[in-house]
Amino acid sequence: MDIIKTENLTKKFNDLTAVDSISFSVKKGEIFGFLGPNGAGKTTTIKMLTTLLNPTKGSALVADFDIIKKRDKVRQNIGVVFQEPALDTELTGRENLDFHARMYGLDSDKRKSRINNVLKLVDLEDKKDVFVKNYSGGMKRRLEIARGLMHFPTVLFLDEPTLGLDAQTRRAIWDYIRQMNEDEGTTIFLTTHYMDEADYLCDRVGIIDRGKILVIDSIANLKNSIGNDVITLSCSNLNKLVKRLKTEPWIKKVKQHDSFLTLGVKKGEEKIPIIIEIAQSENIRIKSISVRKPTLDDVFLYFTGRSMRDQEPENPLKEIVRIHGRSG
């Protein structure tokens, strides 16, 4: 059963098309990852799906309610944790949750029970009476996730939930997200540009870049789509080598980038000598070559032509097997 469904959803800001006619669906109970770099259209999509922005054209259903015609119904069925903090720092953790629950009309007994449950879920029971201004960054994110769950949402939208947090805190929040998905049965729509986050959490992912969805599938299928192993190489004549390698039936994928190639193959270690021999036969000098198992970043690189790292973009040839003394 689809809990979210969009058809040609589009958002333009003057001459800028932030989201460009995207169509996709999210299944009930899954953790769906929406991947892309900053400015790809992730947050704009979430704002449309949560009724904060009207689409320029297209349509979407969330929990079977139209995001334009049934805005109030959509809002009753969703929880949202945005990138920017939205907590009242002059209130305690418990008071923040209580205020949110009152806004959704939960009665006194249900509020009390639910506050205890969600605080336990995100491991903040012993901090419930501490002012939020004294919380760490990780504690604030956990409290925001707890607040998003207060009114028993059908879908929880998490927009870059671990942005700016240290690695240990990020991993702890991942565990809380998984736990609440299992315990609450909540569908989670997660935007992130952290590939390891999506790899750890998501059942399926969609990659969006420049407002367009490039691919949607399970993580395993996406990795397998580019080959069992990924060979990355640079050489003296990329165009010539690409043309030659495309004639080899054992190469599953060939992708040319600005200064290097990526190849999808089986048994990559065994194929390196063959590739070098092919290059030599074409009078092409191999400058560097490496082999590894495919990652989500390899998938992103394959579909977009550029890498997306947790920090600044890194050189994909950083860790390589250097080939010295090879000439064409």
Protein backbone atom coordinates (compact mmCIF):
# COMPACT_ATOMS: atom_id res chain seq x y z
CA MET A 1 0.00 0.00 0.00
CA ASP A 2 1.30 3.45 -0.95
CA ILE A 3 1.18 6.02 1.86
CA ILE A 4 2.66 8.82 -0.30
CA LYS A 5 2.11 9.22 -4.01
CA THR A 6 3.14 12.11 -6.23
CA GLU A 7 2.44 12.78 -9.90
CA ASN A 8 4.45 15.36 -11.83
CA LEU A 9 4.99 17.38 -8.67
CA THR A 10 6.65 20.68 -9.60
CA LYS A 11 7.74 23.82 -7.78
CA LYS A 12 9.10 26.93 -9.47
CA PHE A 13 10.41 30.08 -7.87
CA ASN A 14 10.34 32.68 -10.65
CA ASP A 15 12.79 31.30 -13.24
CA LEU A 16 14.17 28.61 -10.93
CA THR A 17 12.64 25.13 -11.09
CA ALA A 18 13.43 23.69 -7.67
CA VAL A 19 11.42 20.49 -8.16
CA ASP A 20 10.91 19.34 -11.72
CA SER A 21 7.89 17.12 -12.41
CA ILE A 22 8.69 14.28 -10.02
CA SER A 23 6.54 11.16 -9.68
CA PHE A 24 7.16 8.52 -7.02
CA SER A 25 5.49 6.58 -4.22
CA VAL A 26 6.37 5.54 -0.67
CA LYS A 27 5.06 2.33 0.83
CA LYS A 28 3.33 2.18 4.19
CA GLY A 29 5.70 1.27 7.02
CA GLU A 30 8.96 1.71 5.11
CA ILE A 31 11.89 4.03 5.69
CA PHE A 32 12.28 5.89 2.42
CA GLY A 33 15.43 7.88 1.79
CA PHE A 34 15.48 10.96 -0.41
CA LEU A 35 19.10 11.56 -1.36
CA GLY A 36 20.75 14.54 -2.94
CA PRO A 37 23.22 17.35 -2.39
CA ASN A 38 22.28 20.73 -0.98
CA GLY A 39 19.96 22.50 -3.38
CA ALA A 40 18.80 19.31 -5.08
CA GLY A 41 15.13 19.88 -4.18
CA LYS A 42 14.80 17.66 -1.11
CA THR A 43 13.53 20.28 1.34
CA THR A 44 11.22 21.89 -1.24
CA THR A 45 9.65 18.47 -1.85
CA ILE A 46 9.09 17.95 1.86
CA LYS A 47 7.53 21.40 2.21
CA MET A 48 5.06 20.57 -0.53
CA LEU A 49 4.23 17.17 0.93
CA THR A 50 3.70 18.73 4.37
CA THR A 51 1.45 21.50 2.91
CA LEU A 52 3.85 24.36 3.69
CA LEU A 53 4.30 25.11 -0.02
CA ASN A 54 1.76 24.80 -2.80
CA PRO A 55 3.09 23.05 -5.90
CA THR A 56 3.28 25.03 -9.11
CA LYS A 57 1.73 22.04 -10.82
CA GLY A 58 1.23 18.32 -10.27
CA SER A 59 -0.40 16.56 -7.34
CA ALA A 60 0.36 14.44 -4.29
CA LEU A 61 -1.48 12.29 -1.77
CA VAL A 62 -0.22 11.77 1.77
CA ALA A 63 -2.08 9.17 3.84
CA ASP A 64 -4.71 9.19 1.05
CA PHE A 65 -5.33 12.93 1.43
CA ASP A 66 -4.68 15.50 -1.28
CA ILE A 67 -2.04 18.03 -0.22
CA ILE A 68 -4.09 20.90 -1.68
CA LYS A 69 -7.71 19.91 -1.14
CA LYS A 70 -7.29 18.20 2.26
CA ARG A 71 -4.50 20.18 3.87
CA ASP A 72 -5.86 19.84 7.42
CA LYS A 73 -6.23 16.08 7.06
CA VAL A 74 -2.67 15.80 5.78
CA ARG A 75 -1.39 17.81 8.75
CA GLN A 76 -3.27 15.60 11.20
CA ASN A 77 -1.53 12.54 9.80
CA ILE A 78 2.06 13.74 9.63
CA GLY A 79 4.92 14.67 11.92
CA VAL A 80 7.79 16.85 10.76
CA VAL A 81 11.35 17.45 11.92
CA PHE A 82 12.92 20.20 9.85
CA GLN A 83 16.59 21.09 9.49
CA GLU A 84 16.21 24.25 11.55
CA PRO A 85 15.49 23.77 15.28
CA ALA A 86 11.92 24.65 16.29
CA LEU A 87 11.98 24.01 20.03
CA ASP A 88 11.21 26.54 22.75
CA THR A 89 14.49 26.65 24.64
CA GLU A 90 12.90 28.39 27.62
CA LEU A 91 10.67 25.37 28.27
CA THR A 92 11.67 21.95 29.55
CA GLY A 93 11.63 18.90 27.32
CA ARG A 94 8.37 17.73 28.83
CA GLU A 95 6.77 21.15 28.45
CA ASN A 96 7.71 21.28 24.76
CA LEU A 97 6.03 17.91 24.20
CA ASP A 98 2.99 18.87 26.25
CA PHE A 99 2.48 22.08 24.29
CA HIS A 100 2.72 20.22 20.98
CA ALA A 101 0.23 17.59 22.15
CA ARG A 102 -2.24 20.28 23.21
CA MET A 103 -2.03 21.80 19.73
CA TYR A 104 -3.20 18.45 18.36
CA GLY A 105 -6.02 18.13 20.86
CA LEU A 106 -4.72 15.22 22.97
CA ASP A 107 -6.51 15.03 26.32
CA SER A 108 -4.65 15.16 29.65
CA ASP A 109 -4.34 11.41 30.23
CA LYS A 110 -3.26 10.70 26.67
CA ARG A 111 -0.73 13.54 26.77
CA LYS A 112 0.87 12.25 29.94
CA SER A 113 1.08 8.67 28.69
CA ARG A 114 2.37 9.68 25.28
CA ILE A 115 5.03 12.02 26.68
CA ASN A 116 6.39 9.20 28.82
CA ASN A 117 6.41 6.82 25.87
CA VAL A 118 8.20 9.07 23.39
CA LEU A 119 10.73 10.27 25.98
CA LYS A 120 11.57 6.64 26.69
CA LEU A 121 11.83 5.94 22.97
CA VAL A 122 14.51 8.63 22.48
CA ASP A 123 16.19 8.06 25.85
CA LEU A 124 15.38 11.44 27.39
CA GLU A 125 13.36 10.34 30.41
CA ASP A 126 15.94 11.64 32.86
CA LYS A 127 16.16 15.00 31.03
CA LYS A 128 12.45 15.74 30.76
CA ASP A 129 12.50 18.53 33.37
CA VAL A 130 15.70 20.17 32.11
CA PHE A 131 15.35 23.41 30.14
CA VAL A 132 15.98 22.79 26.46
CA LYS A 133 18.54 25.62 26.38
CA ASN A 134 20.74 23.28 28.42
CA TYR A 135 20.39 20.36 26.00
CA SER A 136 23.21 19.27 23.70
CA GLY A 137 22.67 19.35 19.93
CA GLY A 138 21.98 15.63 19.85
CA MET A 139 19.48 15.84 22.70
CA LYS A 140 17.61 18.60 20.91
CA ARG A 141 17.34 16.52 17.74
CA ARG A 142 16.07 13.55 19.74
CA LEU A 143 13.49 15.76 21.44
CA GLU A 144 12.35 17.11 18.08
CA ILE A 145 11.90 13.55 16.83
CA ALA A 146 9.93 12.73 19.98
CA ARG A 147 7.76 15.79 19.42
CA GLY A 148 7.10 14.73 15.83
CA LEU A 149 5.75 11.42 17.16
CA MET A 150 3.52 12.88 19.90
CA HIS A 151 0.25 12.82 17.94
CA PHE A 152 0.71 9.29 16.50
CA PRO A 153 1.49 10.40 12.90
CA THR A 154 1.03 8.05 9.99
CA VAL A 155 4.10 9.54 8.28
CA LEU A 156 7.10 11.19 9.93
CA PHE A 157 9.16 13.52 7.74
CA LEU A 158 12.78 13.90 8.82
CA ASP A 159 14.66 16.59 6.91
CA GLU A 160 18.42 16.10 7.43
CA PRO A 161 17.86 14.88 11.02
CA THR A 162 21.55 14.49 11.88
CA LEU A 163 23.00 17.47 10.03
CA GLY A 164 25.95 18.96 11.90
CA LEU A 165 26.07 16.30 14.61
CA ASP A 166 29.15 14.29 15.52
CA ALA A 167 29.48 10.70 14.30
CA GLN A 168 28.61 9.05 17.62
CA THR A 169 25.47 11.14 18.09
CA ARG A 170 24.42 10.55 14.50
CA ARG A 171 24.68 6.78 14.97
CA ALA A 172 22.62 6.96 18.18
CA ILE A 173 19.87 8.89 16.38
CA TRP A 174 19.89 6.32 13.58
CA ASP A 175 19.14 3.66 16.18
CA TYR A 176 16.25 5.72 17.57
CA ILE A 177 14.82 6.18 14.08
CA ARG A 178 14.97 2.44 13.39
CA GLN A 179 13.43 1.65 16.76
CA MET A 180 10.50 4.01 16.36
CA ASN A 181 9.86 2.67 12.86
CA GLU A 182 9.67 -0.84 14.29
CA ASP A 183 7.82 0.01 17.52
CA GLU A 184 5.39 2.61 16.17
CA GLY A 185 4.95 1.28 12.64
CA THR A 186 5.46 4.83 11.41
CA THR A 187 6.37 5.41 7.79
CA ILE A 188 9.50 7.56 7.64
CA PHE A 189 10.41 9.90 4.80
CA LEU A 190 14.04 10.81 5.33
CA THR A 191 16.02 13.39 3.40
CA THR A 192 19.78 13.26 3.70
CA HIS A 193 22.99 13.84 1.80
CA TYR A 194 24.81 11.38 4.08
CA MET A 195 25.16 8.17 2.12
CA ASP A 196 26.08 6.09 5.18
CA GLU A 197 22.90 7.29 6.88
CA ALA A 198 20.72 6.14 4.00
CA ASP A 199 22.64 2.86 3.72
CA TYR A 200 22.06 2.08 7.40
CA LEU A 201 18.42 3.13 7.65
CA CYS A 202 16.52 2.95 4.40
CA ASP A 203 14.50 0.22 2.75
CA ARG A 204 14.49 2.12 -0.54
CA VAL A 205 16.04 5.35 -1.73
CA GLY A 206 15.42 7.88 -4.45
CA ILE A 207 18.21 10.06 -5.80
CA ILE A 208 17.27 13.62 -6.71
CA ASP A 209 19.57 16.12 -8.37
CA ARG A 210 18.75 19.54 -9.81
CA GLY A 211 15.08 18.96 -9.09
CA LYS A 212 14.77 15.68 -10.98
CA ILE A 213 14.52 12.14 -9.61
CA LEU A 214 17.19 10.06 -11.31
CA VAL A 215 16.44 6.61 -9.88
CA ILE A 216 14.44 4.87 -7.13
CA ASP A 217 15.12 1.35 -5.88
CA SER A 218 16.32 -0.74 -2.95
CA ILE A 219 19.89 -0.09 -1.86
CA ALA A 220 20.98 -3.61 -2.85
CA ASN A 221 19.52 -3.25 -6.33
CA LEU A 222 21.12 0.15 -6.83
CA LYS A 223 24.55 -1.15 -5.85
CA ASN A 224 24.18 -4.21 -8.05
CA SER A 225 23.07 -2.05 -10.97
CA ILE A 226 26.57 -0.66 -11.38
CA GLY A 227 28.37 -4.00 -11.04
CA ASN A 228 29.62 -6.36 -8.36
CA ASP A 229 32.88 -4.38 -8.13
CA VAL A 230 33.74 -0.82 -9.08
CA ILE A 231 37.01 -0.08 -10.86
CA THR A 232 38.06 3.56 -10.94
CA LEU A 233 40.89 4.65 -13.22
CA SER A 234 42.51 7.65 -14.85
CA CYS A 235 44.48 7.47 -18.07
CA SER A 236 46.07 9.49 -20.87
CA ASN A 237 43.10 9.24 -23.24
CA LEU A 238 39.70 8.78 -21.60
CA ASN A 239 37.61 9.00 -24.77
CA LYS A 240 39.62 6.38 -26.62
CA LEU A 241 39.65 3.96 -23.68
CA VAL A 242 35.90 4.32 -23.09
CA LYS A 243 35.19 3.52 -26.71
CA ARG A 244 37.40 0.42 -26.51
CA LEU A 245 36.09 -0.85 -23.18
CA LYS A 246 32.47 -0.61 -24.29
CA THR A 247 33.21 -3.46 -26.71
CA GLU A 248 34.11 -5.82 -23.83
CA PRO A 249 31.09 -7.98 -22.84
CA TRP A 250 32.36 -8.58 -19.28
CA ILE A 251 32.11 -4.89 -18.38
CA LYS A 252 28.67 -4.28 -16.94
CA LYS A 253 28.81 -0.48 -16.83
CA VAL A 254 31.19 2.14 -18.21
CA LYS A 255 30.87 5.74 -17.06
CA GLN A 256 33.14 8.60 -18.11
CA HIS A 257 33.63 11.53 -15.73
CA ASP A 258 35.72 14.68 -16.12
CA SER A 259 39.09 13.12 -15.34
CA PHE A 260 38.46 9.43 -14.69
CA LEU A 261 36.35 6.38 -15.54
CA THR A 262 34.25 4.07 -13.38
CA LEU A 263 33.59 0.51 -14.50
CA GLY A 264 31.16 -2.03 -13.10
CA VAL A 265 32.53 -5.57 -13.32
CA LYS A 266 32.58 -8.98 -11.64
CA LYS A 267 35.78 -10.13 -9.91
CA GLY A 268 37.39 -6.73 -10.19
CA GLU A 269 40.84 -7.77 -8.98
CA GLU A 270 41.13 -10.20 -11.88
CA LYS A 271 40.07 -7.58 -14.41
CA ILE A 272 42.72 -4.97 -13.58
CA PRO A 273 45.55 -6.70 -15.53
CA ILE A 274 43.19 -7.18 -18.49
CA ILE A 275 42.28 -3.49 -18.51
CA ILE A 276 45.95 -2.53 -18.40
CA GLU A 277 46.70 -4.83 -21.35
CA ILE A 278 43.81 -3.32 -23.32
CA ALA A 279 45.09 0.18 -22.59
CA GLN A 280 48.60 -0.74 -23.68
CA SER A 281 47.30 -2.23 -26.92
CA GLU A 282 45.65 1.14 -27.64
CA ASN A 283 48.79 3.09 -26.72
CA ILE A 284 47.04 4.53 -23.64
CA ARG A 285 48.90 5.09 -20.38
CA ILE A 286 47.09 4.13 -17.17
CA LYS A 287 47.84 6.77 -14.51
CA SER A 288 46.01 5.18 -11.57
CA ILE A 289 43.55 2.37 -10.93
CA SER A 290 41.60 0.99 -7.95
CA VAL A 291 38.94 -1.60 -7.20
CA ARG A 292 36.33 -1.78 -4.45
CA LYS A 293 32.82 -2.96 -3.67
CA PRO A 294 30.16 -0.47 -4.78
CA THR A 295 28.78 2.03 -2.27
CA LEU A 296 25.82 4.37 -2.43
CA ASP A 297 28.25 7.14 -3.24
CA ASP A 298 29.35 5.11 -6.28
CA VAL A 299 25.68 4.86 -7.24
CA PHE A 300 25.25 8.61 -6.89
CA LEU A 301 28.43 9.20 -8.86
CA TYR A 302 27.24 6.90 -11.62
CA PHE A 303 23.82 8.52 -12.02
CA THR A 304 24.82 12.16 -11.52
CA GLY A 305 28.41 12.25 -12.77
CA ARG A 306 29.66 13.73 -9.51
CA SER A 307 30.38 12.56 -6.01
CA MET A 308 28.51 13.46 -2.85
CA ARG A 309 30.47 13.16 0.39
CA ASP A 310 29.66 13.84 4.02
CA GLN A 311 31.97 16.85 3.96
CA GLU A 312 33.59 18.57 0.99
CA PRO A 313 33.78 16.55 -2.24
CA GLU A 314 36.78 14.27 -2.22
CA ASN A 315 38.88 12.93 -5.05
CA PRO A 316 37.48 9.48 -5.91
CA LEU A 317 41.00 8.43 -6.83
CA LYS A 318 42.36 9.23 -3.38
CA GLU A 319 42.90 5.63 -2.36
CA ILE A 320 44.33 3.92 -5.41
CA VAL A 321 46.58 1.19 -6.54
CA ARG A 322 49.33 3.16 -8.29
CA ILE A 323 50.58 1.73 -11.55
CA HIS A 324 54.15 2.84 -12.10
CA GLY A 325 56.18 2.47 -15.26
CA ARG A 326 53.18 1.69 -17.46
CA SER A 327 53.36 3.17 -20.92
CA GLY A 328 51.24 2.69 -23.98
